Amino acid sequence: MIKRKLPSSIFLLLWLVLLWTHNAYSEQINEVIHTKVLILGAGAAGISAAKTLHAMGMRDFLILDAQPFIGGRVQHTTFGDHQIELGANWIYGKGTNPIYHLASKHGLKTAPNNKENLAYFDDNGEIPDTQGQAIYHTFEKMMENLVDYADQRMKRHQVDLSSRSALKLLGWHPDTPLKAAVEYFAVDWELAEPAEVSSLDYATGTVDMVTGSFPSGNEFVVDERGFNHILKEEAKWFLQDDDSRLLLNTLVKDIFYGDDNVTVITDNGQILTADYAICTFSLGVLQSDNVNFMPPFPDWKREALLSFHMATYTKIFLKFDRKFWGDWQFAMYANNDTVNGGYYTIWQNLNAPGYLSNLKRQPSNNILMVTTTYKQSERIERMNDDLVQREIMQVLRRMFPEIDLPDPTAILIPRWHSNPLFRGSYSNWPIGVLADHHQNMRAPLAGPHSHDRPRLWFAGEAMSAEYYGFLHGAWIDGDNTAKSIVKCIQGACPAYQMNEYVTGCELRQQHRPRLRYQHL
């Protein structure tokens, strides 16, 4: 990393910046930080990209992140006597899954996740297991049929459907609270969006019974060091203590990309230029106006970005002075509101055997986690914690009518949708979005005269066609993007695909879309 005087072309660019932003950068205009590759974001994609650059002999790079730590949406906080994960919490599949490999390498503590270790409740208390399991396994068979149905339609190049339309065509109607709750657990809780808006082709296989790319189950992270411990440890391989190539607490405001380089301006007026930049911002940020891109994204890219969905998945944590629930891992609450989109439907017991009790000391806190998604999450984010707690306790008192329940001693509500650094939790493939849209979304951008050598690249979970929405998707995509940039630096930039006019007439994807494990 070196400091150098700006060429005249950059002087002109910065002069335009001054006019456009009305900000006075004064003395800083004459000197900028220049690097070969600028990585915007220190989440999984950014750390993976930097590791790959280092491994390929490219040491001239910088990593910027607005947060004070490495991890992106992989972040934790203290709740009572424990660390709880606000974002990513599961490792989905083992085998060759790179996140599982990193967890094993760094000794990350996890607990097996069993969705069939499940209790059922409604407004009158606990529902007999036999009644709940009968509907659970009926829908499990329905999901198998849905996967086969999607396969058949894709082979015939039929138009995509919403998962709701397909379920109705196959004879499934969530016309009771329990049936709606079972569907919510298999669909909404996985994708963070309901069947009405989720693509059939790309969202099938939303239950753990379906074997995906990385088989052998999934694990729930319970490590007191936090899930992002594995990212921090990997970063140590190529970053020294107080490495000047890692700039935390650095918020990007403006990004200018052209024929020769990318210029980034931060909120404190710092100016950085690079031959290439990797933007790992979340899809929600790319859909917003939080960062100014100049020139503005072309229409084909804006259409693709705005067509894809950034979903919201909210884990609400409650701490009690005593444990009044059983040893189940999961509980399902079924009531009439569930039919209309879910209402505190899925509960998780963080005191279940192997969870917080998996730690060296016995847990001193009794913690329940309830998950909301989609519009319910957005509604809850607009409420204060006291109002949310009041709603939740009304639900718990219906689930446990024979117990005099105490109020929680603490509540914690992450607000991902309203967080300007993320604008949501993870991406989901909606009805009507084509493979060409996704190619356009991830396509790098070049200046008007350098289409064979794009300067601004995009990486992250949303940019992974195979593993969108997953932490391992972000890691793999960061690695692949860094390899493409190294090829560009070596003078052999790989060809990339974009379609200026997505017509819907192209042939459908020939390979089966990857079947999904549960999210986060």
Protein backbone atom coordinates (compact mmCIF):
# COMPACT_ATOMS: atom_id res chain seq x y z
CA MET A 1 0.00 0.00 0.00
CA ILE A 2 1.45 3.40 -1.00
CA LYS A 3 0.45 7.03 -1.05
CA ARG A 4 0.90 8.98 -4.24
CA LYS A 5 -0.16 12.10 -6.08
CA LEU A 6 -3.32 11.90 -8.13
CA PRO A 7 -3.19 11.92 -11.94
CA SER A 8 -5.09 14.69 -13.72
CA SER A 9 -8.01 12.40 -14.57
CA ILE A 10 -8.60 11.73 -10.88
CA PHE A 11 -8.36 15.47 -10.12
CA LEU A 12 -11.19 16.02 -12.55
CA LEU A 13 -13.20 13.20 -11.02
CA LEU A 14 -12.73 14.55 -7.51
CA TRP A 15 -13.66 18.04 -8.65
CA LEU A 16 -16.96 16.58 -9.87
CA VAL A 17 -17.33 14.81 -6.55
CA LEU A 18 -17.03 18.14 -4.75
CA LEU A 19 -19.72 19.69 -6.90
CA TRP A 20 -22.02 16.72 -6.51
CA THR A 21 -21.70 16.14 -2.75
CA HIS A 22 -21.17 19.76 -1.63
CA ASN A 23 -18.58 18.47 0.84
CA ALA A 24 -15.23 20.17 1.31
CA TYR A 25 -12.41 17.64 1.46
CA SER A 26 -9.77 20.45 1.41
CA GLU A 27 -6.22 19.22 1.82
CA GLN A 28 -7.08 15.53 1.36
CA ILE A 29 -7.73 16.02 -2.35
CA ASN A 30 -4.01 16.09 -3.13
CA GLU A 31 -3.26 12.75 -1.51
CA VAL A 32 -5.13 9.45 -1.51
CA ILE A 33 -4.54 5.88 -0.47
CA HIS A 34 -4.03 3.64 -3.47
CA THR A 35 -4.16 -0.14 -3.55
CA LYS A 36 -4.40 -2.81 -6.21
CA VAL A 37 -7.62 -4.41 -4.89
CA LEU A 38 -10.10 -2.75 -2.56
CA ILE A 39 -12.45 -5.10 -0.68
CA LEU A 40 -15.60 -3.40 0.60
CA GLY A 41 -16.88 -5.40 3.55
CA ALA A 42 -15.18 -7.68 6.10
CA GLY A 43 -17.84 -10.36 6.21
CA ALA A 44 -17.43 -13.92 4.96
CA ALA A 45 -17.15 -12.92 1.29
CA GLY A 46 -14.62 -10.17 1.99
CA ILE A 47 -12.40 -12.30 4.24
CA SER A 48 -12.56 -15.20 1.78
CA ALA A 49 -11.59 -12.89 -1.11
CA ALA A 50 -8.66 -11.43 0.83
CA LYS A 51 -7.45 -14.90 1.84
CA THR A 52 -7.53 -16.03 -1.79
CA LEU A 53 -5.66 -12.94 -3.00
CA HIS A 54 -2.99 -13.55 -0.38
CA ALA A 55 -2.72 -17.24 -1.31
CA MET A 56 -2.26 -16.28 -4.97
CA GLY A 57 0.58 -13.88 -4.15
CA MET A 58 -1.44 -10.65 -4.25
CA ARG A 59 -0.65 -8.74 -1.05
CA ASP A 60 -1.57 -5.24 -2.22
CA PHE A 61 -5.16 -5.01 -1.00
CA LEU A 62 -7.27 -3.14 1.53
CA ILE A 63 -10.38 -4.27 3.43
CA LEU A 64 -12.94 -1.67 4.54
CA ASP A 65 -15.85 -2.24 6.91
CA ALA A 66 -18.23 0.10 8.69
CA GLN A 67 -18.39 -2.13 11.76
CA PRO A 68 -15.72 -2.32 14.48
CA PHE A 69 -15.22 -6.05 13.95
CA ILE A 70 -14.83 -8.73 11.29
CA GLY A 71 -17.93 -10.78 10.48
CA GLY A 72 -20.61 -8.84 8.61
CA ARG A 73 -23.93 -10.48 9.45
CA VAL A 74 -22.07 -13.13 11.46
CA GLN A 75 -22.16 -11.36 14.79
CA HIS A 76 -22.94 -12.07 18.42
CA THR A 77 -23.52 -10.24 21.69
CA THR A 78 -23.66 -10.90 25.40
CA PHE A 79 -27.09 -11.86 26.73
CA GLY A 80 -27.08 -12.68 30.40
CA ASP A 81 -24.11 -14.95 31.03
CA HIS A 82 -23.82 -16.18 27.45
CA GLN A 83 -22.97 -15.14 23.92
CA ILE A 84 -25.90 -15.42 21.53
CA GLU A 85 -25.76 -15.15 17.73
CA LEU A 86 -27.69 -12.23 16.28
CA GLY A 87 -27.27 -13.35 12.68
CA ALA A 88 -25.88 -16.56 11.22
CA ASN A 89 -26.31 -19.41 13.71
CA TRP A 90 -26.25 -22.69 11.80
CA ILE A 91 -23.71 -24.64 9.77
CA TYR A 92 -25.66 -26.21 6.93
CA GLY A 93 -24.26 -29.55 5.94
CA LYS A 94 -20.86 -31.08 6.50
CA GLY A 95 -18.72 -32.93 3.95
CA THR A 96 -16.90 -30.41 1.78
CA ASN A 97 -18.83 -27.41 3.14
CA PRO A 98 -16.09 -24.78 3.66
CA ILE A 99 -17.81 -23.32 6.75
CA TYR A 100 -17.93 -26.78 8.34
CA HIS A 101 -14.25 -27.18 7.47
CA LEU A 102 -13.39 -23.86 9.16
CA ALA A 103 -15.49 -24.76 12.21
CA SER A 104 -13.65 -28.07 12.55
CA LYS A 105 -10.28 -26.42 11.98
CA HIS A 106 -10.82 -23.82 14.70
CA GLY A 107 -12.69 -26.02 17.19
CA LEU A 108 -15.98 -24.14 17.03
CA LYS A 109 -18.48 -25.52 19.58
CA THR A 110 -21.77 -26.64 18.01
CA ALA A 111 -24.83 -28.70 18.92
CA PRO A 112 -26.72 -31.08 16.60
CA ASN A 113 -29.93 -29.59 15.27
CA ASN A 114 -33.02 -31.82 15.17
CA LYS A 115 -36.19 -30.27 13.77
CA GLU A 116 -38.21 -33.34 14.68
CA ASN A 117 -37.46 -32.77 18.37
CA LEU A 118 -40.59 -30.64 18.34
CA ALA A 119 -43.48 -29.84 20.68
CA TYR A 120 -46.85 -28.52 19.44
CA PHE A 121 -48.99 -25.84 21.10
CA ASP A 122 -52.12 -23.85 20.38
CA ASP A 123 -54.27 -21.40 22.36
CA ASN A 124 -55.36 -24.18 24.70
CA GLY A 125 -51.91 -25.43 25.60
CA GLU A 126 -49.91 -28.37 24.35
CA ILE A 127 -51.23 -30.45 21.43
CA PRO A 128 -50.73 -34.25 21.57
CA ASP A 129 -47.58 -35.25 19.70
CA THR A 130 -49.49 -37.78 17.60
CA GLN A 131 -51.77 -35.06 16.22
CA GLY A 132 -48.89 -32.71 15.44
CA GLN A 133 -46.62 -35.37 13.98
CA ALA A 134 -49.36 -36.64 11.66
CA ILE A 135 -49.60 -33.25 9.96
CA TYR A 136 -45.83 -32.71 10.11
CA HIS A 137 -45.14 -35.94 8.21
CA THR A 138 -48.01 -35.29 5.78
CA PHE A 139 -46.38 -32.01 4.80
CA GLU A 140 -42.98 -33.69 4.70
CA LYS A 141 -44.34 -36.00 2.01
CA MET A 142 -45.91 -33.00 0.28
CA MET A 143 -42.48 -31.34 0.06
CA GLU A 144 -41.05 -34.45 -1.58
CA ASN A 145 -43.84 -34.26 -4.15
CA LEU A 146 -43.19 -30.55 -4.61
CA VAL A 147 -39.54 -31.21 -5.49
CA ASP A 148 -40.55 -33.83 -8.06
CA TYR A 149 -43.20 -31.50 -9.46
CA ALA A 150 -40.66 -28.68 -9.87
CA ASP A 151 -38.27 -31.08 -11.63
CA GLN A 152 -40.93 -32.12 -14.10
CA ARG A 153 -41.92 -28.54 -14.90
CA MET A 154 -38.31 -27.47 -15.43
CA LYS A 155 -37.65 -30.36 -17.80
CA ARG A 156 -40.65 -29.22 -19.87
CA HIS A 157 -39.44 -25.57 -19.70
CA GLN A 158 -42.70 -24.49 -18.10
CA VAL A 159 -43.12 -21.09 -16.53
CA ASP A 160 -42.13 -20.71 -12.90
CA LEU A 161 -44.86 -20.72 -10.26
CA SER A 162 -45.06 -19.47 -6.73
CA SER A 163 -44.63 -22.21 -4.17
CA ARG A 164 -48.18 -21.44 -3.01
CA SER A 165 -49.68 -22.12 -6.45
CA ALA A 166 -47.75 -25.37 -6.72
CA LEU A 167 -48.81 -26.53 -3.25
CA LYS A 168 -52.45 -25.85 -4.13
CA LEU A 169 -52.11 -27.73 -7.40
CA LEU A 170 -50.78 -30.70 -5.44
CA GLY A 171 -53.72 -30.57 -3.04
CA TRP A 172 -52.21 -28.88 0.02
CA HIS A 173 -54.39 -26.31 1.81
CA PRO A 174 -53.15 -24.83 5.12
CA ASP A 175 -56.73 -24.33 6.28
CA THR A 176 -56.19 -25.04 9.99
CA PRO A 177 -53.84 -23.28 12.40
CA LEU A 178 -51.77 -26.43 12.89
CA LYS A 179 -51.38 -27.05 9.16
CA ALA A 180 -50.42 -23.40 8.64
CA ALA A 181 -47.84 -23.62 11.45
CA VAL A 182 -46.31 -26.79 10.00
CA GLU A 183 -46.02 -25.11 6.59
CA TYR A 184 -44.52 -22.01 8.21
CA PHE A 185 -41.82 -24.16 9.85
CA ALA A 186 -40.92 -25.77 6.52
CA VAL A 187 -41.17 -22.72 4.24
CA ASP A 188 -41.27 -19.30 5.94
CA TRP A 189 -38.83 -20.25 8.71
CA GLU A 190 -36.38 -21.49 6.05
CA LEU A 191 -36.68 -18.77 3.41
CA ALA A 192 -37.85 -15.89 5.64
CA GLU A 193 -40.66 -15.35 3.13
CA PRO A 194 -43.99 -17.12 2.54
CA ALA A 195 -44.91 -19.53 -0.22
CA GLU A 196 -46.91 -16.78 -1.98
CA VAL A 197 -43.77 -14.86 -3.02
CA SER A 198 -41.17 -17.65 -3.21
CA SER A 199 -40.23 -19.25 -6.50
CA LEU A 200 -41.17 -22.90 -6.96
CA ASP A 201 -38.12 -23.65 -9.11
CA TYR A 202 -35.57 -22.08 -6.78
CA ALA A 203 -37.18 -22.52 -3.37
CA THR A 204 -38.16 -26.19 -3.42
CA GLY A 205 -36.49 -28.54 -1.05
CA THR A 206 -36.92 -26.31 1.98
CA VAL A 207 -36.85 -29.04 4.63
CA ASP A 208 -33.96 -30.98 6.09
CA MET A 209 -35.21 -34.30 4.68
CA VAL A 210 -33.88 -33.18 1.28
CA THR A 211 -30.19 -33.91 0.75
CA GLY A 212 -28.34 -30.87 -0.54
CA SER A 213 -24.82 -30.27 -1.73
CA PHE A 214 -23.34 -30.82 1.74
CA PRO A 215 -25.08 -33.79 3.38
CA SER A 216 -24.99 -35.18 6.94
CA GLY A 217 -27.14 -32.68 8.79
CA ASN A 218 -26.50 -29.27 10.29
CA GLU A 219 -25.13 -27.82 13.51
CA PHE A 220 -26.22 -24.97 15.79
CA VAL A 221 -23.30 -22.79 16.93
CA VAL A 222 -23.05 -22.35 20.72
CA ASP A 223 -19.45 -21.16 20.98
CA GLU A 224 -18.81 -18.42 23.56
CA ARG A 225 -16.23 -16.91 21.20
CA GLY A 226 -18.96 -16.33 18.62
CA PHE A 227 -19.54 -17.79 15.16
CA ASN A 228 -17.36 -15.09 13.61
CA HIS A 229 -14.40 -16.53 15.53
CA ILE A 230 -13.67 -18.69 12.47
CA LEU A 231 -13.53 -15.59 10.21
CA LYS A 232 -11.28 -13.73 12.63
CA GLU A 233 -8.94 -16.72 12.86
CA GLU A 234 -8.74 -17.05 9.07
CA ALA A 235 -7.95 -13.35 8.77
CA LYS A 236 -4.95 -13.85 11.07
CA TRP A 237 -3.36 -15.95 8.35
CA PHE A 238 -2.85 -12.91 6.12
CA LEU A 239 -3.32 -9.90 8.43
CA GLN A 240 -0.87 -8.94 11.15
CA ASP A 241 -1.89 -7.26 14.40
CA ASP A 242 -2.95 -3.66 13.69
CA ASP A 243 -2.53 -4.33 9.97
CA SER A 244 -3.04 -1.09 8.04
CA ARG A 245 -4.76 -3.10 5.29
CA LEU A 246 -7.84 -3.57 7.53
CA LEU A 247 -9.84 -0.37 8.02
CA LEU A 248 -12.72 -0.93 10.43
CA ASN A 249 -15.24 1.73 11.51
CA THR A 250 -15.01 3.03 7.94
CA LEU A 251 -18.33 3.79 6.27
CA VAL A 252 -18.39 4.01 2.47
CA LYS A 253 -20.54 6.80 1.05
CA ASP A 254 -19.54 7.16 -2.64
CA ILE A 255 -18.13 4.72 -5.20
CA PHE A 256 -16.91 5.94 -8.61
CA TYR A 257 -15.96 3.31 -11.18
CA GLY A 258 -14.45 3.97 -14.57
CA ASP A 259 -12.16 2.63 -17.28
CA ASP A 260 -9.00 2.52 -15.19
CA ASN A 261 -9.91 2.32 -11.52
CA VAL A 262 -12.42 2.63 -8.71
CA THR A 263 -12.48 5.58 -6.29
CA VAL A 264 -14.15 5.28 -2.90
CA ILE A 265 -14.98 8.14 -0.54
CA THR A 266 -15.83 7.44 3.10
CA ASP A 267 -18.05 9.37 5.47
CA ASN A 268 -15.05 11.11 7.02
CA GLY A 269 -13.77 12.31 3.65
CA GLN A 270 -11.06 9.70 3.21
CA ILE A 271 -10.33 8.91 -0.45
CA LEU A 272 -9.13 5.54 -1.68
CA THR A 273 -8.46 4.35 -5.21
CA ALA A 274 -7.89 0.86 -6.55
CA ASP A 275 -7.36 -0.86 -9.86
CA TYR A 276 -10.17 -3.26 -8.87
CA ALA A 277 -12.80 -3.28 -6.14
CA ILE A 278 -14.91 -6.10 -4.72
CA CYS A 279 -18.21 -4.88 -3.32
CA THR A 280 -19.60 -7.36 -0.76
CA PHE A 281 -22.42 -5.13 0.47
CA SER A 282 -25.67 -6.94 1.22
CA LEU A 283 -28.38 -7.06 -1.41
CA GLY A 284 -30.46 -4.79 0.83
CA VAL A 285 -27.79 -2.07 0.70
CA LEU A 286 -27.42 -2.41 -3.08
CA GLN A 287 -31.19 -1.96 -3.38
CA SER A 288 -31.13 1.18 -1.23
CA ASP A 289 -29.67 4.65 -1.65
CA ASN A 290 -27.28 4.28 1.30
CA VAL A 291 -24.26 4.22 -1.01
CA ASN A 292 -23.94 6.44 -4.07
CA PHE A 293 -22.58 4.66 -7.15
CA MET A 294 -21.31 6.81 -10.02
CA PRO A 295 -22.15 6.34 -12.77
CA PRO A 296 -25.50 4.99 -11.55
CA PHE A 297 -26.09 1.30 -12.15
CA PRO A 298 -27.31 0.58 -15.69
CA ASP A 299 -30.98 -0.31 -16.02
CA TRP A 300 -30.29 -4.02 -16.58
CA LYS A 301 -28.44 -4.22 -13.26
CA ARG A 302 -30.98 -2.13 -11.32
CA GLU A 303 -33.79 -4.33 -12.62
CA ALA A 304 -31.97 -7.46 -11.47
CA LEU A 305 -31.08 -6.08 -8.04
CA LEU A 306 -34.57 -4.77 -7.36
CA SER A 307 -36.22 -7.98 -8.58
CA PHE A 308 -34.38 -10.23 -6.11
CA HIS A 309 -35.58 -10.25 -2.51
CA MET A 310 -33.75 -9.30 0.68
CA ALA A 311 -35.71 -11.13 3.37
CA THR A 312 -35.82 -10.45 7.11
CA TYR A 313 -35.43 -13.17 9.71
CA THR A 314 -35.66 -12.01 13.33
CA LYS A 315 -34.50 -14.06 16.31
CA ILE A 316 -35.95 -12.63 19.53
CA PHE A 317 -34.26 -13.74 22.76
CA LEU A 318 -35.98 -13.85 26.15
CA LYS A 319 -34.28 -14.58 29.47
CA PHE A 320 -36.31 -15.86 32.43
CA ASP A 321 -35.48 -16.39 36.07
CA ARG A 322 -36.75 -19.97 35.84
CA LYS A 323 -37.32 -22.59 33.14
CA PHE A 324 -41.01 -23.46 32.71
CA TRP A 325 -40.76 -25.35 29.40
CA GLY A 326 -39.69 -28.85 28.45
CA ASP A 327 -36.44 -30.20 27.03
CA TRP A 328 -37.60 -30.03 23.41
CA GLN A 329 -35.36 -28.27 20.87
CA PHE A 330 -38.24 -26.63 18.99
CA ALA A 331 -41.84 -25.72 19.71
CA MET A 332 -44.59 -24.69 17.31
CA TYR A 333 -47.41 -22.32 18.21
CA ALA A 334 -50.51 -22.69 16.03
CA ASN A 335 -53.34 -20.16 16.12
CA ASN A 336 -55.53 -18.31 13.66
CA ASP A 337 -52.91 -15.62 13.12
CA THR A 338 -50.56 -18.30 11.79
CA VAL A 339 -52.93 -18.81 8.85
CA ASN A 340 -52.44 -15.11 8.02
CA GLY A 341 -48.66 -15.10 7.94
CA GLY A 342 -47.19 -16.35 11.19
CA TYR A 343 -47.37 -14.91 14.70
CA TYR A 344 -44.51 -15.95 17.00
CA THR A 345 -44.86 -19.41 15.48
CA ILE A 346 -41.46 -21.09 15.97
CA TRP A 347 -39.71 -21.30 19.34
CA GLN A 348 -36.29 -22.68 20.16
CA ASN A 349 -35.06 -23.80 23.57
CA LEU A 350 -31.49 -22.65 24.09
CA ASN A 351 -31.38 -24.74 27.29
CA ALA A 352 -32.06 -27.96 25.37
CA PRO A 353 -29.56 -30.76 26.01
CA GLY A 354 -26.41 -30.01 24.00
CA TYR A 355 -27.13 -26.31 23.48
CA LEU A 356 -25.98 -23.84 26.14
CA SER A 357 -25.53 -26.85 28.42
CA ASN A 358 -22.90 -28.04 25.95
CA LEU A 359 -20.54 -25.49 27.45
CA LYS A 360 -18.04 -26.27 30.23
CA ARG A 361 -20.18 -24.53 32.85
CA GLN A 362 -23.86 -25.13 33.33
CA PRO A 363 -26.00 -22.33 31.96
CA SER A 364 -27.04 -19.82 34.59
CA ASN A 365 -29.72 -18.35 32.34
CA ASN A 366 -32.99 -19.74 31.00
CA ILE A 367 -33.30 -18.52 27.42
CA LEU A 368 -36.02 -18.99 24.82
CA MET A 369 -35.69 -17.79 21.23
CA VAL A 370 -38.71 -17.07 19.06
CA THR A 371 -38.36 -16.35 15.34
CA THR A 372 -40.40 -14.06 13.14
CA THR A 373 -40.06 -13.41 9.41
CA TYR A 374 -41.18 -11.24 6.50
CA LYS A 375 -43.87 -8.64 7.28
CA GLN A 376 -44.12 -9.68 10.91
CA SER A 377 -40.42 -8.93 11.32
CA GLU A 378 -40.83 -5.53 9.69
CA ARG A 379 -43.83 -4.79 11.93
CA ILE A 380 -41.93 -5.79 15.07
CA GLU A 381 -38.96 -3.62 14.14
CA ARG A 382 -41.26 -0.59 14.25
CA MET A 383 -42.34 -1.43 17.83
CA ASN A 384 -40.48 -0.80 21.05
CA ASP A 385 -39.21 -3.74 23.07
CA ASP A 386 -41.88 -3.43 25.76
CA LEU A 387 -44.73 -3.79 23.26
CA VAL A 388 -43.07 -6.79 21.63
CA GLN A 389 -42.52 -8.41 25.03
CA ARG A 390 -46.19 -7.87 25.89
CA GLU A 391 -47.30 -9.64 22.70
CA ILE A 392 -44.88 -12.51 23.27
CA MET A 393 -46.03 -13.05 26.85
CA GLN A 394 -49.65 -13.19 25.70
CA VAL A 395 -48.63 -16.02 23.38
CA LEU A 396 -46.62 -17.87 26.03
CA ARG A 397 -49.51 -17.66 28.50
CA ARG A 398 -51.75 -19.29 25.89
CA MET A 399 -49.16 -21.99 25.27
CA PHE A 400 -48.76 -22.67 29.02
CA PRO A 401 -52.21 -21.84 30.48
CA GLU A 402 -51.75 -23.86 33.67
CA ILE A 403 -48.53 -22.09 34.72
CA ASP A 404 -48.21 -18.71 36.40
CA LEU A 405 -45.58 -17.37 34.03
CA PRO A 406 -43.08 -14.72 35.09
CA ASP A 407 -42.20 -11.86 32.79
CA PRO A 408 -38.76 -12.17 31.20
CA THR A 409 -35.90 -10.46 32.97
CA ALA A 410 -34.42 -9.37 29.61
CA ILE A 411 -35.38 -9.26 25.93
CA LEU A 412 -33.17 -8.72 22.88
CA ILE A 413 -34.51 -7.92 19.40
CA PRO A 414 -32.10 -7.58 16.45
CA ARG A 415 -33.42 -5.18 13.82
CA TRP A 416 -31.87 -6.27 10.52
CA HIS A 417 -34.42 -4.71 8.17
CA SER A 418 -33.94 -1.17 9.50
CA ASN A 419 -30.17 -1.49 9.94
CA PRO A 420 -28.67 0.73 7.18
CA LEU A 421 -25.60 -1.54 6.92
CA PHE A 422 -27.71 -4.55 5.86
CA ARG A 423 -31.41 -3.77 5.19
CA GLY A 424 -32.38 -7.38 5.86
CA SER A 425 -31.05 -10.79 6.87
CA TYR A 426 -30.41 -12.80 3.69
CA SER A 427 -31.60 -13.14 0.11
CA ASN A 428 -34.42 -15.23 -1.31
CA TRP A 429 -35.26 -16.09 -4.92
CA PRO A 430 -38.78 -14.77 -5.65
CA ILE A 431 -41.32 -15.78 -8.25
CA GLY A 432 -40.61 -14.29 -11.68
CA VAL A 433 -36.84 -13.83 -11.36
CA LEU A 434 -34.90 -15.64 -14.09
CA ALA A 435 -31.37 -17.00 -14.22
CA ASP A 436 -30.48 -14.08 -16.50
CA HIS A 437 -31.59 -11.68 -13.78
CA HIS A 438 -29.22 -13.33 -11.34
CA GLN A 439 -26.36 -13.19 -13.86
CA ASN A 440 -27.03 -9.48 -14.30
CA MET A 441 -27.14 -8.96 -10.56
CA ARG A 442 -23.69 -10.43 -10.01
CA ALA A 443 -22.10 -9.11 -13.24
CA PRO A 444 -19.11 -6.77 -12.67
CA LEU A 445 -19.16 -3.23 -14.03
CA ALA A 446 -16.69 -1.44 -16.25
CA GLY A 447 -16.18 2.06 -17.55
CA PRO A 448 -17.66 3.06 -20.92
CA HIS A 449 -14.51 2.06 -22.84
CA SER A 450 -13.28 -1.01 -20.95
CA HIS A 451 -15.94 -3.71 -21.08
CA ASP A 452 -13.28 -6.40 -21.39
CA ARG A 453 -11.72 -5.38 -18.08
CA PRO A 454 -14.41 -4.62 -15.46
CA ARG A 455 -13.24 -2.72 -12.41
CA LEU A 456 -16.12 -3.05 -9.92
CA TRP A 457 -16.96 -6.63 -8.90
CA PHE A 458 -19.71 -7.98 -6.65
CA ALA A 459 -19.59 -10.88 -4.19
CA GLY A 460 -21.64 -12.25 -1.30
CA GLU A 461 -24.37 -14.71 -0.45
CA ALA A 462 -26.93 -13.08 -2.75
CA MET A 463 -24.50 -13.30 -5.68
CA SER A 464 -24.11 -17.07 -5.36
CA ALA A 465 -26.48 -18.81 -7.79
CA GLU A 466 -26.05 -22.15 -6.04
CA TYR A 467 -25.91 -21.07 -2.41
CA TYR A 468 -27.75 -17.75 -2.19
CA GLY A 469 -28.85 -17.02 1.35
CA PHE A 470 -26.14 -19.12 2.99
CA LEU A 471 -22.91 -18.30 4.77
CA HIS A 472 -21.01 -20.88 2.74
CA GLY A 473 -22.39 -19.20 -0.39
CA ALA A 474 -20.75 -15.93 0.67
CA TRP A 475 -17.43 -17.67 1.40
CA ILE A 476 -17.35 -19.54 -1.91
CA ASP A 477 -18.39 -16.50 -3.91
CA GLY A 478 -15.69 -14.32 -2.34
CA ASP A 479 -13.09 -16.92 -3.26
CA ASN A 480 -14.32 -17.17 -6.87
CA THR A 481 -14.45 -13.39 -7.33
CA ALA A 482 -10.90 -12.94 -6.07
CA LYS A 483 -9.67 -15.58 -8.53
CA SER A 484 -11.38 -13.73 -11.39
CA ILE A 485 -9.68 -10.47 -10.42
CA VAL A 486 -6.26 -12.11 -10.27
CA LYS A 487 -6.86 -13.32 -13.83
CA CYS A 488 -7.67 -9.75 -14.83
CA ILE A 489 -4.48 -8.50 -13.21
CA GLN A 490 -2.58 -11.15 -15.17
CA GLY A 491 -4.14 -9.90 -18.41
CA ALA A 492 -6.63 -12.72 -18.95
CA CYS A 493 -9.89 -11.34 -17.58
CA PRO A 494 -12.59 -14.07 -17.64
CA ALA A 495 -15.64 -13.41 -19.78
CA TYR A 496 -18.73 -12.56 -17.76
CA GLN A 497 -22.36 -12.77 -18.77
CA MET A 498 -24.96 -10.04 -18.72
CA ASN A 499 -28.17 -9.59 -20.65
CA GLU A 500 -29.22 -6.02 -21.32
CA TYR A 501 -32.77 -7.09 -22.14
CA VAL A 502 -34.14 -10.01 -20.12
CA THR A 503 -37.05 -11.25 -22.21
CA GLY A 504 -38.04 -14.47 -20.48
CA CYS A 505 -37.65 -16.35 -23.75
CA GLU A 506 -34.31 -17.93 -22.93
CA LEU A 507 -34.15 -21.62 -22.06
CA ARG A 508 -34.53 -22.38 -18.39
CA GLN A 509 -31.58 -23.48 -16.30
CA GLN A 510 -30.76 -27.02 -17.26
CA HIS A 511 -29.36 -28.09 -13.90
CA ARG A 512 -31.59 -28.68 -10.93
CA PRO A 513 -31.47 -25.72 -8.52
CA ARG A 514 -29.67 -26.59 -5.33
CA LEU A 515 -32.02 -27.94 -2.71
CA ARG A 516 -31.95 -25.88 0.42
CA TYR A 517 -31.19 -26.53 4.04
CA GLN A 518 -32.61 -24.24 6.69
CA HIS A 519 -31.21 -20.74 6.80
CA LEU A 520 -29.08 -18.66 9.12
